[in-house]
Each structure stands twice: as C-alpha cells, then as structure tokens.
Amino acid sequence: MLFRIVILKILLLILSVYSMGQEEYFYGNISYYGDEFAGRKTSSGAIFDQEKYTCASKTLPFGTILEVMNIKNGKSVVLMVNDRGPFVKNRILDISKRAAREIDMITEGVTFARIKIIKLGNGTFSEDEYKKMIGEYYSFDKRNAYEFSIQVGAFTNRTLAQNMLEKLKKDGFNNSYITEKIVGKTIFNRVRVGDYADKDVATKVRDLLKEKGYDTYFVSTYVEK
C-alpha cells in the first residue's frame, strides 16, 4: 500500500513538472465589436476604443494579457481583457476592430482562434498596465518597422465615408476601413487602406490607388490612428 502511494506521488510530480513546461492553449470562435460600441463604457469601467488592443471575455479576469492567433492564416495579436462578452453562443472572445484587422478577419466577421494566456490579470483594467503591454509587445524596437496606411479621404459626413469604403472594396481593396478622429466637436471619418509594415508594399498599393483615381497620402498608423 505504501509502495503504491509513493509511486502515485512520483507520477503526479512528473506530470506536474511536464505540464509546467508546456504551453497551454484554448480554442474557439472569436468575433469583433461593432462600431456602435465605440465610446461606450466597458464592464471594467474603461471607455471602449476600436483602435486599442483589447478584448472581451466571459470569465477571464480584467487585465489578463492574451495572445490570439487566427488559425486560418497564422496571424496573431496580443490583447488585454477589459470587458465581458461575447454574449453569443459558441464564441469565446470579442476583439477590437484594430485587432481584427491585424489578424485579417474583418471580412469573415467570425473566425476560429487559438488563445494563449500570457499573464493573468488581477481583476482590474489599468491604463498604466495597458501601456506597459503596448511597450513590451508593440514598441518600435520590437516590431522593427512602422505600420503604414494610405488615406483616401476624410469626411464629416459618415454616409460619404461609407460610400467611399464600399467603392474601395468593389475595386478589390478589401483591407479598407474607417477610423474616427474627433477635432473639437467635429468627427472626421477617415477612410484608409492598410495597414502595411513594409513601406515599399504600401507605396505600391498607393500607386495602384492613384491609377484608379483616388487622392492618397501616407499615414504612419504606429504613431497616429
């Protein structure tokens, strides 16, 4: 009997050491926030921003840092949990639109993802902790390149911006999007194509846009979104 107990303890020790050395992942469908949530207060109290690297989870503590990979293309992004959701069956995360663009899931809307917990949060969302995450995973030194986007218009009229976006997509620029900029009391709906880490690639896209009659200029989206 004593021998069996000793053997069992040894096996449990081996298993625990083995599991500690393995990277643990969980899988499921993820989606991204609709534009109507921009500016609303999240469950953590933070104001939701489509251009931040954040996400909603049903159970993970606020402040948890995750690596989220789109299984279909291998593209990944690092996010911090600051909201509750998604409140839809068979989905495990809602991510910001910027994050969705980075892993190329805008067109599909929902994709199957692999999620790795990098660091468990303490249950609160802190802007200081968020900035630390950005500094660690999204700094210039880490990425070694700026992200470039091509802006084709800025409209105070949302309908005009939406029409421009639809035209771009019909012309084959499926990675087009609208991002808002508030100046005083005026909202500018900026229509862009991107983002591109390689400026040479972005230049070729800009030239192609010009050939199709679009008025374009570069925007460094690492510096300004």
C-alpha atoms as a PDB file:
ATOM      1  CA  MET A   1       0.000   0.000   0.000  1.00  0.00           C
ATOM      2  CA  LEU A   2       2.791   2.391   0.993  1.00  0.00           C
ATOM      3  CA  PHE A   3       4.661   1.485  -2.203  1.00  0.00           C
ATOM      4  CA  ARG A   4       1.598   2.401  -4.326  1.00  0.00           C
ATOM      5  CA  ILE A   5       1.261   5.769  -2.588  1.00  0.00           C
ATOM      6  CA  VAL A   6       4.935   6.555  -3.209  1.00  0.00           C
ATOM      7  CA  ILE A   7       4.625   5.580  -6.896  1.00  0.00           C
ATOM      8  CA  LEU A   8       1.480   7.700  -7.258  1.00  0.00           C
ATOM      9  CA  LYS A   9       3.214  10.733  -5.738  1.00  0.00           C
ATOM     10  CA  ILE A  10       6.168  10.303  -8.097  1.00  0.00           C
ATOM     11  CA  LEU A  11       3.834  10.096 -11.100  1.00  0.00           C
ATOM     12  CA  LEU A  12       1.942  13.213 -10.030  1.00  0.00           C
ATOM     13  CA  LEU A  13       5.230  15.077  -9.596  1.00  0.00           C
ATOM     14  CA  ILE A  14       6.396  14.043 -13.072  1.00  0.00           C
ATOM     15  CA  LEU A  15       3.081  15.097 -14.609  1.00  0.00           C
ATOM     16  CA  SER A  16       3.101  18.462 -12.850  1.00  0.00           C
ATOM     17  CA  VAL A  17       6.658  19.218 -13.991  1.00  0.00           C
ATOM     18  CA  TYR A  18       5.790  18.130 -17.526  1.00  0.00           C
ATOM     19  CA  SER A  19       2.663  20.302 -17.688  1.00  0.00           C
ATOM     20  CA  MET A  20       4.552  23.330 -16.356  1.00  0.00           C
ATOM     21  CA  GLY A  21       6.932  23.070 -19.278  1.00  0.00           C
ATOM     22  CA  GLN A  22       4.210  23.009 -21.892  1.00  0.00           C
ATOM     23  CA  GLU A  23       2.468  25.981 -23.460  1.00  0.00           C
ATOM     24  CA  GLU A  24      -1.256  25.698 -22.828  1.00  0.00           C
ATOM     25  CA  TYR A  25      -3.800  26.945 -25.348  1.00  0.00           C
ATOM     26  CA  PHE A  26      -7.549  27.009 -25.675  1.00  0.00           C
ATOM     27  CA  TYR A  27      -9.520  27.261 -28.875  1.00  0.00           C
ATOM     28  CA  GLY A  28     -12.817  28.698 -30.046  1.00  0.00           C
ATOM     29  CA  ASN A  29     -14.656  31.131 -32.276  1.00  0.00           C
ATOM     30  CA  ILE A  30     -13.949  34.829 -31.878  1.00  0.00           C
ATOM     31  CA  SER A  31     -15.683  37.906 -33.301  1.00  0.00           C
ATOM     32  CA  TYR A  32     -15.082  41.646 -33.171  1.00  0.00           C
ATOM     33  CA  TYR A  33     -17.012  44.627 -31.819  1.00  0.00           C
ATOM     34  CA  GLY A  34     -19.423  46.571 -33.995  1.00  0.00           C
ATOM     35  CA  ASP A  35     -18.800  50.302 -34.423  1.00  0.00           C
ATOM     36  CA  GLU A  36     -21.835  51.120 -32.281  1.00  0.00           C
ATOM     37  CA  PHE A  37     -19.836  50.177 -29.155  1.00  0.00           C
ATOM     38  CA  ALA A  38     -17.172  52.868 -29.716  1.00  0.00           C
ATOM     39  CA  GLY A  39     -17.117  55.352 -26.840  1.00  0.00           C
ATOM     40  CA  ARG A  40     -19.249  53.203 -24.529  1.00  0.00           C
ATOM     41  CA  LYS A  41     -18.152  52.182 -21.066  1.00  0.00           C
ATOM     42  CA  THR A  42     -16.913  48.574 -20.793  1.00  0.00           C
ATOM     43  CA  SER A  43     -17.607  46.250 -17.859  1.00  0.00           C
ATOM     44  CA  SER A  44     -14.209  47.177 -16.365  1.00  0.00           C
ATOM     45  CA  GLY A  45     -15.137  50.868 -16.456  1.00  0.00           C
ATOM     46  CA  ALA A  46     -12.774  51.723 -19.327  1.00  0.00           C
ATOM     47  CA  ILE A  47     -14.143  53.532 -22.386  1.00  0.00           C
ATOM     48  CA  PHE A  48     -14.149  51.220 -25.402  1.00  0.00           C
ATOM     49  CA  ASP A  49     -11.863  52.222 -28.255  1.00  0.00           C
ATOM     50  CA  GLN A  50     -11.881  50.253 -31.524  1.00  0.00           C
ATOM     51  CA  GLU A  51      -8.237  51.176 -32.111  1.00  0.00           C
ATOM     52  CA  LYS A  52      -6.887  49.682 -28.881  1.00  0.00           C
ATOM     53  CA  TYR A  53      -5.561  46.164 -28.389  1.00  0.00           C
ATOM     54  CA  THR A  54      -8.330  44.995 -26.066  1.00  0.00           C
ATOM     55  CA  CYS A  55     -10.951  42.269 -25.925  1.00  0.00           C
ATOM     56  CA  ALA A  56     -13.951  40.911 -24.028  1.00  0.00           C
ATOM     57  CA  SER A  57     -14.018  37.545 -22.259  1.00  0.00           C
ATOM     58  CA  LYS A  58     -16.854  35.902 -20.365  1.00  0.00           C
ATOM     59  CA  THR A  59     -14.680  34.683 -17.490  1.00  0.00           C
ATOM     60  CA  LEU A  60     -11.025  35.775 -17.663  1.00  0.00           C
ATOM     61  CA  PRO A  61     -10.048  38.461 -15.108  1.00  0.00           C
ATOM     62  CA  PHE A  62      -9.757  42.036 -16.336  1.00  0.00           C
ATOM     63  CA  GLY A  63      -6.146  42.880 -17.096  1.00  0.00           C
ATOM     64  CA  THR A  64      -5.382  39.407 -18.454  1.00  0.00           C
ATOM     65  CA  ILE A  65      -2.976  39.511 -21.417  1.00  0.00           C
ATOM     66  CA  LEU A  66      -3.673  37.090 -24.266  1.00  0.00           C
ATOM     67  CA  GLU A  67      -2.014  36.050 -27.492  1.00  0.00           C
ATOM     68  CA  VAL A  68      -4.775  35.452 -30.047  1.00  0.00           C
ATOM     69  CA  MET A  69      -3.982  33.629 -33.291  1.00  0.00           C
ATOM     70  CA  ASN A  70      -6.255  33.305 -36.319  1.00  0.00           C
ATOM     71  CA  ILE A  71      -5.901  29.586 -37.080  1.00  0.00           C
ATOM     72  CA  LYS A  72      -6.792  30.126 -40.742  1.00  0.00           C
ATOM     73  CA  ASN A  73      -3.769  32.306 -41.535  1.00  0.00           C
ATOM     74  CA  GLY A  74      -1.410  32.068 -38.552  1.00  0.00           C
ATOM     75  CA  LYS A  75      -1.592  35.813 -37.811  1.00  0.00           C
ATOM     76  CA  SER A  76      -1.595  36.736 -34.126  1.00  0.00           C
ATOM     77  CA  VAL A  77      -2.121  39.733 -31.872  1.00  0.00           C
ATOM     78  CA  VAL A  78      -1.603  40.453 -28.155  1.00  0.00           C
ATOM     79  CA  LEU A  79      -4.628  41.831 -26.277  1.00  0.00           C
ATOM     80  CA  MET A  80      -5.736  42.814 -22.794  1.00  0.00           C
ATOM     81  CA  VAL A  81      -9.144  41.825 -21.364  1.00  0.00           C
ATOM     82  CA  ASN A  82     -11.199  44.836 -20.264  1.00  0.00           C
ATOM     83  CA  ASP A  83     -14.804  43.810 -20.945  1.00  0.00           C
ATOM     84  CA  ARG A  84     -17.333  40.986 -20.566  1.00  0.00           C
ATOM     85  CA  GLY A  85     -18.711  39.064 -23.540  1.00  0.00           C
ATOM     86  CA  PRO A  86     -19.363  37.967 -26.180  1.00  0.00           C
ATOM     87  CA  PHE A  87     -22.959  37.207 -25.306  1.00  0.00           C
ATOM     88  CA  VAL A  88     -23.409  34.911 -28.277  1.00  0.00           C
ATOM     89  CA  LYS A  89     -23.398  31.119 -28.167  1.00  0.00           C
ATOM     90  CA  ASN A  90     -20.193  29.333 -29.251  1.00  0.00           C
ATOM     91  CA  ARG A  91     -17.965  32.426 -29.150  1.00  0.00           C
ATOM     92  CA  ILE A  92     -15.232  32.924 -26.581  1.00  0.00           C
ATOM     93  CA  LEU A  93     -13.833  36.410 -27.298  1.00  0.00           C
ATOM     94  CA  ASP A  94     -14.867  39.727 -28.809  1.00  0.00           C
ATOM     95  CA  ILE A  95     -11.840  41.685 -30.001  1.00  0.00           C
ATOM     96  CA  SER A  96     -11.371  45.274 -31.128  1.00  0.00           C
ATOM     97  CA  LYS A  97     -11.598  46.118 -34.826  1.00  0.00           C
ATOM     98  CA  ARG A  98      -7.922  47.059 -34.928  1.00  0.00           C
ATOM     99  CA  ALA A  99      -7.017  43.610 -33.600  1.00  0.00           C
ATOM    100  CA  ALA A 100      -9.403  42.024 -36.115  1.00  0.00           C
ATOM    101  CA  ARG A 101      -7.646  43.863 -38.952  1.00  0.00           C
ATOM    102  CA  GLU A 102      -4.256  42.672 -37.765  1.00  0.00           C
ATOM    103  CA  ILE A 103      -5.275  39.023 -37.893  1.00  0.00           C
ATOM    104  CA  ASP A 104      -7.205  39.547 -41.131  1.00  0.00           C
ATOM    105  CA  MET A 105     -10.726  38.520 -40.052  1.00  0.00           C
ATOM    106  CA  ILE A 106     -12.686  41.664 -40.936  1.00  0.00           C
ATOM    107  CA  THR A 107     -14.381  40.153 -43.986  1.00  0.00           C
ATOM    108  CA  GLU A 108     -15.417  36.919 -42.250  1.00  0.00           C
ATOM    109  CA  GLY A 109     -16.526  38.560 -39.020  1.00  0.00           C
ATOM    110  CA  VAL A 110     -16.040  35.333 -37.047  1.00  0.00           C
ATOM    111  CA  THR A 111     -13.003  33.067 -37.112  1.00  0.00           C
ATOM    112  CA  PHE A 112     -11.574  30.082 -35.233  1.00  0.00           C
ATOM    113  CA  ALA A 113      -8.702  31.113 -32.977  1.00  0.00           C
ATOM    114  CA  ARG A 114      -6.029  29.758 -30.676  1.00  0.00           C
ATOM    115  CA  ILE A 115      -5.693  31.684 -27.420  1.00  0.00           C
ATOM    116  CA  LYS A 116      -2.720  31.614 -25.074  1.00  0.00           C
ATOM    117  CA  ILE A 117      -2.774  33.256 -21.654  1.00  0.00           C
ATOM    118  CA  ILE A 118       0.429  35.273 -21.347  1.00  0.00           C
ATOM    119  CA  LYS A 119      -0.413  36.778 -17.957  1.00  0.00           C
ATOM    120  CA  LEU A 120      -3.472  36.527 -15.729  1.00  0.00           C
ATOM    121  CA  GLY A 121      -4.915  39.856 -14.655  1.00  0.00           C
ATOM    122  CA  ASN A 122      -5.797  40.874 -11.112  1.00  0.00           C
ATOM    123  CA  GLY A 123      -9.415  41.662 -11.951  1.00  0.00           C
ATOM    124  CA  THR A 124      -8.991  45.335 -12.824  1.00  0.00           C
ATOM    125  CA  PHE A 125      -8.104  47.157 -16.041  1.00  0.00           C
ATOM    126  CA  SER A 126      -5.391  49.783 -15.688  1.00  0.00           C
ATOM    127  CA  GLU A 127      -4.307  52.211 -18.408  1.00  0.00           C
ATOM    128  CA  ASP A 128      -0.787  52.054 -16.960  1.00  0.00           C
ATOM    129  CA  GLU A 129      -0.709  48.258 -17.294  1.00  0.00           C
ATOM    130  CA  TYR A 130      -2.142  48.551 -20.793  1.00  0.00           C
ATOM    131  CA  LYS A 131       0.649  50.969 -21.762  1.00  0.00           C
ATOM    132  CA  LYS A 132       3.222  48.540 -20.333  1.00  0.00           C
ATOM    133  CA  MET A 133       1.770  45.808 -22.559  1.00  0.00           C
ATOM    134  CA  ILE A 134       1.959  48.098 -25.597  1.00  0.00           C
ATOM    135  CA  GLY A 135       5.548  48.988 -24.734  1.00  0.00           C
ATOM    136  CA  GLU A 136       6.518  45.335 -24.437  1.00  0.00           C
ATOM    137  CA  TYR A 137       4.698  43.873 -27.426  1.00  0.00           C
ATOM    138  CA  TYR A 138       4.119  46.793 -29.780  1.00  0.00           C
ATOM    139  CA  SER A 139       7.145  49.060 -29.376  1.00  0.00           C
ATOM    140  CA  PHE A 140       9.151  50.246 -32.390  1.00  0.00           C
ATOM    141  CA  ASP A 141      12.155  48.197 -31.265  1.00  0.00           C
ATOM    142  CA  LYS A 142      10.080  45.005 -31.062  1.00  0.00           C
ATOM    143  CA  ARG A 143       8.432  45.385 -34.433  1.00  0.00           C
ATOM    144  CA  ASN A 144      11.418  46.919 -36.181  1.00  0.00           C
ATOM    145  CA  ALA A 145       9.073  48.759 -38.543  1.00  0.00           C
ATOM    146  CA  TYR A 146       6.316  51.316 -38.586  1.00  0.00           C
ATOM    147  CA  GLU A 147       2.887  50.436 -39.874  1.00  0.00           C
ATOM    148  CA  PHE A 148       1.732  52.402 -42.880  1.00  0.00           C
ATOM    149  CA  SER A 149      -1.736  53.088 -44.133  1.00  0.00           C
ATOM    150  CA  ILE A 150      -2.957  55.012 -47.172  1.00  0.00           C
ATOM    151  CA  GLN A 151      -5.678  57.555 -46.503  1.00  0.00           C
ATOM    152  CA  VAL A 152      -8.062  58.259 -49.380  1.00  0.00           C
ATOM    153  CA  GLY A 153     -10.455  60.668 -47.718  1.00  0.00           C
ATOM    154  CA  ALA A 154     -11.726  62.291 -44.512  1.00  0.00           C
ATOM    155  CA  PHE A 155     -15.424  63.133 -44.234  1.00  0.00           C
ATOM    156  CA  THR A 156     -17.583  64.759 -41.595  1.00  0.00           C
ATOM    157  CA  ASN A 157     -20.488  63.004 -43.332  1.00  0.00           C
ATOM    158  CA  ARG A 158     -20.454  59.316 -42.356  1.00  0.00           C
ATOM    159  CA  THR A 159     -22.507  58.314 -45.406  1.00  0.00           C
ATOM    160  CA  LEU A 160     -19.914  59.776 -47.778  1.00  0.00           C
ATOM    161  CA  ALA A 161     -17.183  57.878 -45.951  1.00  0.00           C
ATOM    162  CA  GLN A 162     -19.207  54.654 -46.152  1.00  0.00           C
ATOM    163  CA  ASN A 163     -19.750  55.162 -49.887  1.00  0.00           C
ATOM    164  CA  MET A 164     -16.012  55.613 -50.384  1.00  0.00           C
ATOM    165  CA  LEU A 165     -15.344  52.461 -48.348  1.00  0.00           C
ATOM    166  CA  GLU A 166     -17.775  50.428 -50.457  1.00  0.00           C
ATOM    167  CA  LYS A 167     -16.166  51.719 -53.668  1.00  0.00           C
ATOM    168  CA  LEU A 168     -12.713  50.687 -52.421  1.00  0.00           C
ATOM    169  CA  LYS A 169     -13.939  47.206 -51.605  1.00  0.00           C
ATOM    170  CA  LYS A 170     -15.556  46.881 -55.043  1.00  0.00           C
ATOM    171  CA  ASP A 171     -12.182  47.842 -56.515  1.00  0.00           C
ATOM    172  CA  GLY A 172     -10.570  44.967 -54.615  1.00  0.00           C
ATOM    173  CA  PHE A 173      -9.109  46.801 -51.602  1.00  0.00           C
ATOM    174  CA  ASN A 174     -10.678  44.512 -49.002  1.00  0.00           C
ATOM    175  CA  ASN A 175      -8.451  45.744 -46.161  1.00  0.00           C
ATOM    176  CA  SER A 176     -10.071  49.201 -46.280  1.00  0.00           C
ATOM    177  CA  TYR A 177     -11.611  50.629 -43.135  1.00  0.00           C
ATOM    178  CA  ILE A 178     -12.970  53.782 -41.471  1.00  0.00           C
ATOM    179  CA  THR A 179     -11.387  55.272 -38.360  1.00  0.00           C
ATOM    180  CA  GLU A 180     -12.768  58.281 -36.493  1.00  0.00           C
ATOM    181  CA  LYS A 181     -10.857  61.379 -35.385  1.00  0.00           C
ATOM    182  CA  ILE A 182     -12.503  63.961 -33.140  1.00  0.00           C
ATOM    183  CA  VAL A 183     -11.268  67.543 -33.594  1.00  0.00           C
ATOM    184  CA  GLY A 184     -13.059  69.899 -31.244  1.00  0.00           C
ATOM    185  CA  LYS A 185     -16.699  68.913 -31.664  1.00  0.00           C
ATOM    186  CA  THR A 186     -16.276  67.615 -35.208  1.00  0.00           C
ATOM    187  CA  ILE A 187     -15.918  63.922 -36.074  1.00  0.00           C
ATOM    188  CA  PHE A 188     -13.823  63.143 -39.150  1.00  0.00           C
ATOM    189  CA  ASN A 189     -14.464  59.738 -40.714  1.00  0.00           C
ATOM    190  CA  ARG A 190     -11.114  58.840 -42.257  1.00  0.00           C
ATOM    191  CA  VAL A 191     -11.146  56.200 -44.999  1.00  0.00           C
ATOM    192  CA  ARG A 192      -7.941  54.201 -45.223  1.00  0.00           C
ATOM    193  CA  VAL A 193      -6.337  51.168 -46.851  1.00  0.00           C
ATOM    194  CA  GLY A 194      -3.828  49.160 -44.804  1.00  0.00           C
ATOM    195  CA  ASP A 195      -2.013  48.590 -42.516  1.00  0.00           C
ATOM    196  CA  TYR A 196       1.364  47.647 -44.010  1.00  0.00           C
ATOM    197  CA  ALA A 197       4.586  47.039 -42.062  1.00  0.00           C
ATOM    198  CA  ASP A 198       6.635  47.319 -45.266  1.00  0.00           C
ATOM    199  CA  LYS A 199       6.678  50.829 -46.741  1.00  0.00           C
ATOM    200  CA  ASP A 200       7.646  49.511 -50.192  1.00  0.00           C
ATOM    201  CA  VAL A 201       4.482  47.397 -50.257  1.00  0.00           C
ATOM    202  CA  ALA A 202       2.419  50.363 -49.073  1.00  0.00           C
ATOM    203  CA  THR A 203       3.946  52.517 -51.819  1.00  0.00           C
ATOM    204  CA  LYS A 204       2.887  50.029 -54.486  1.00  0.00           C
ATOM    205  CA  VAL A 205      -0.646  49.995 -53.090  1.00  0.00           C
ATOM    206  CA  ARG A 206      -0.705  53.805 -53.036  1.00  0.00           C
ATOM    207  CA  ASP A 207       0.428  53.912 -56.684  1.00  0.00           C
ATOM    208  CA  LEU A 208      -2.297  51.454 -57.626  1.00  0.00           C
ATOM    209  CA  LEU A 209      -4.884  53.599 -55.843  1.00  0.00           C
ATOM    210  CA  LYS A 210      -3.670  56.667 -57.718  1.00  0.00           C
ATOM    211  CA  GLU A 211      -4.014  54.801 -61.019  1.00  0.00           C
ATOM    212  CA  LYS A 212      -7.652  54.191 -60.135  1.00  0.00           C
ATOM    213  CA  GLY A 213      -8.203  57.899 -59.474  1.00  0.00           C
ATOM    214  CA  TYR A 214      -8.014  58.023 -55.677  1.00  0.00           C
ATOM    215  CA  ASP A 215      -6.443  61.003 -53.905  1.00  0.00           C
ATOM    216  CA  THR A 216      -3.989  59.457 -51.442  1.00  0.00           C
ATOM    217  CA  TYR A 217      -1.327  60.128 -48.838  1.00  0.00           C
ATOM    218  CA  PHE A 218       0.639  58.053 -46.313  1.00  0.00           C
ATOM    219  CA  VAL A 219      -0.247  57.823 -42.641  1.00  0.00           C
ATOM    220  CA  SER A 220       2.034  56.230 -40.046  1.00  0.00           C
ATOM    221  CA  THR A 221      -0.511  54.287 -38.024  1.00  0.00           C
ATOM    222  CA  TYR A 222       2.049  53.317 -35.383  1.00  0.00           C
ATOM    223  CA  VAL A 223       2.247  56.990 -34.429  1.00  0.00           C
ATOM    224  CA  GLU A 224      -1.306  58.103 -35.154  1.00  0.00           C
ATOM    225  CA  LYS A 225      -4.550  56.167 -35.600  1.00  0.00           C
END
